[in-house]
Amino acid sequence: MNSLNEVFNPLAEFIPDDIYNLLSSRGLIDEKSVRDYVIRKKFRDLRDQKISASEAIESLRAEYPYLQFDTLRKIVYQPRN
């Protein structure tokens, strides 16, 4: 039941939708970092399903066609800060 000015909250497990929407509306969300977090989470979920790493990355490429295979590989294997 989102209004038109609300956005999907990919960080719902960490922050409530209203806070995410407020931060996003003020430009305080680093969209690239959120995208990378979502990609890493999806990759882990695919690997948990016993899908090979290369197949999981190819699956992610279908969802993010603007990213190269090597870019996705760097995202999923980058060390956490």
Protein backbone atom coordinates (compact mmCIF):
# COMPACT_ATOMS: atom_id res chain seq x y z
CA MET A 1 0.00 0.00 0.00
CA ASN A 2 2.64 2.51 -1.12
CA SER A 3 1.70 5.95 -2.31
CA LEU A 4 3.28 7.22 -5.51
CA ASN A 5 5.97 9.20 -3.69
CA GLU A 6 7.18 6.22 -1.64
CA VAL A 7 9.91 3.95 -2.92
CA PHE A 8 10.58 0.26 -2.33
CA ASN A 9 12.68 -0.17 0.81
CA PRO A 10 15.43 -2.74 0.15
CA LEU A 11 16.72 -2.15 3.68
CA ALA A 12 13.44 -3.01 5.44
CA GLU A 13 15.23 -5.47 7.73
CA PHE A 14 17.27 -2.55 9.11
CA ILE A 15 15.13 0.59 8.92
CA PRO A 16 11.37 1.20 8.67
CA ASP A 17 9.82 2.25 5.35
CA ASP A 18 8.95 5.76 6.52
CA ILE A 19 12.55 6.46 7.59
CA TYR A 20 13.92 5.02 4.34
CA ASN A 21 11.49 7.16 2.32
CA LEU A 22 12.46 10.27 4.28
CA LEU A 23 16.19 9.65 3.82
CA SER A 24 15.70 8.84 0.13
CA SER A 25 13.59 11.94 -0.49
CA ARG A 26 16.38 14.07 0.99
CA GLY A 27 19.08 12.40 -1.08
CA LEU A 28 20.72 10.77 1.94
CA ILE A 29 20.69 7.20 0.61
CA ASP A 30 23.69 6.01 -1.38
CA GLU A 31 21.76 4.13 -4.08
CA LYS A 32 24.86 2.38 -5.44
CA SER A 33 25.72 0.97 -2.02
CA VAL A 34 22.13 -0.18 -1.52
CA ARG A 35 22.17 -1.81 -4.98
CA ASP A 36 25.44 -3.59 -4.15
CA TYR A 37 24.02 -4.78 -0.83
CA VAL A 38 20.96 -6.21 -2.61
CA ILE A 39 23.18 -7.90 -5.21
CA ARG A 40 25.34 -9.50 -2.49
CA LYS A 41 22.23 -10.70 -0.65
CA LYS A 42 20.73 -12.23 -3.81
CA PHE A 43 24.07 -13.87 -4.61
CA ARG A 44 24.23 -15.45 -1.13
CA ASP A 45 20.64 -16.67 -1.51
CA LEU A 46 21.46 -18.27 -4.86
CA ARG A 47 24.60 -19.90 -3.45
CA ASP A 48 22.57 -21.23 -0.51
CA GLN A 49 20.41 -22.97 -3.13
CA LYS A 50 23.57 -24.78 -4.32
CA ILE A 51 23.80 -22.76 -7.54
CA SER A 52 27.37 -22.38 -8.78
CA ALA A 53 29.00 -18.99 -8.38
CA SER A 54 29.23 -18.40 -12.14
CA GLU A 55 25.58 -19.38 -12.67
CA ALA A 56 24.54 -17.10 -9.80
CA ILE A 57 26.44 -14.19 -11.34
CA GLU A 58 24.85 -14.91 -14.74
CA SER A 59 21.44 -14.89 -13.06
CA LEU A 60 22.26 -11.51 -11.55
CA ARG A 61 23.37 -10.26 -14.99
CA ALA A 62 19.87 -10.99 -16.27
CA GLU A 63 18.50 -8.78 -13.53
CA TYR A 64 21.19 -6.09 -13.89
CA PRO A 65 22.03 -6.19 -17.62
CA TYR A 66 23.93 -2.89 -17.44
CA LEU A 67 26.58 -4.52 -15.23
CA GLN A 68 29.37 -6.64 -16.67
CA PHE A 69 30.14 -10.14 -15.32
CA ASP A 70 33.44 -8.89 -13.82
CA THR A 71 31.69 -5.94 -12.16
CA LEU A 72 29.18 -8.25 -10.52
CA ARG A 73 32.00 -10.59 -9.46
CA LYS A 74 33.79 -7.67 -7.79
CA ILE A 75 30.58 -6.62 -6.04
CA VAL A 76 29.80 -10.06 -4.62
CA TYR A 77 33.36 -10.76 -3.53
CA GLN A 78 34.39 -7.31 -2.27
CA PRO A 79 35.42 -7.35 1.38
CA ARG A 80 33.02 -5.74 3.81
CA ASN A 81 34.20 -2.60 5.56
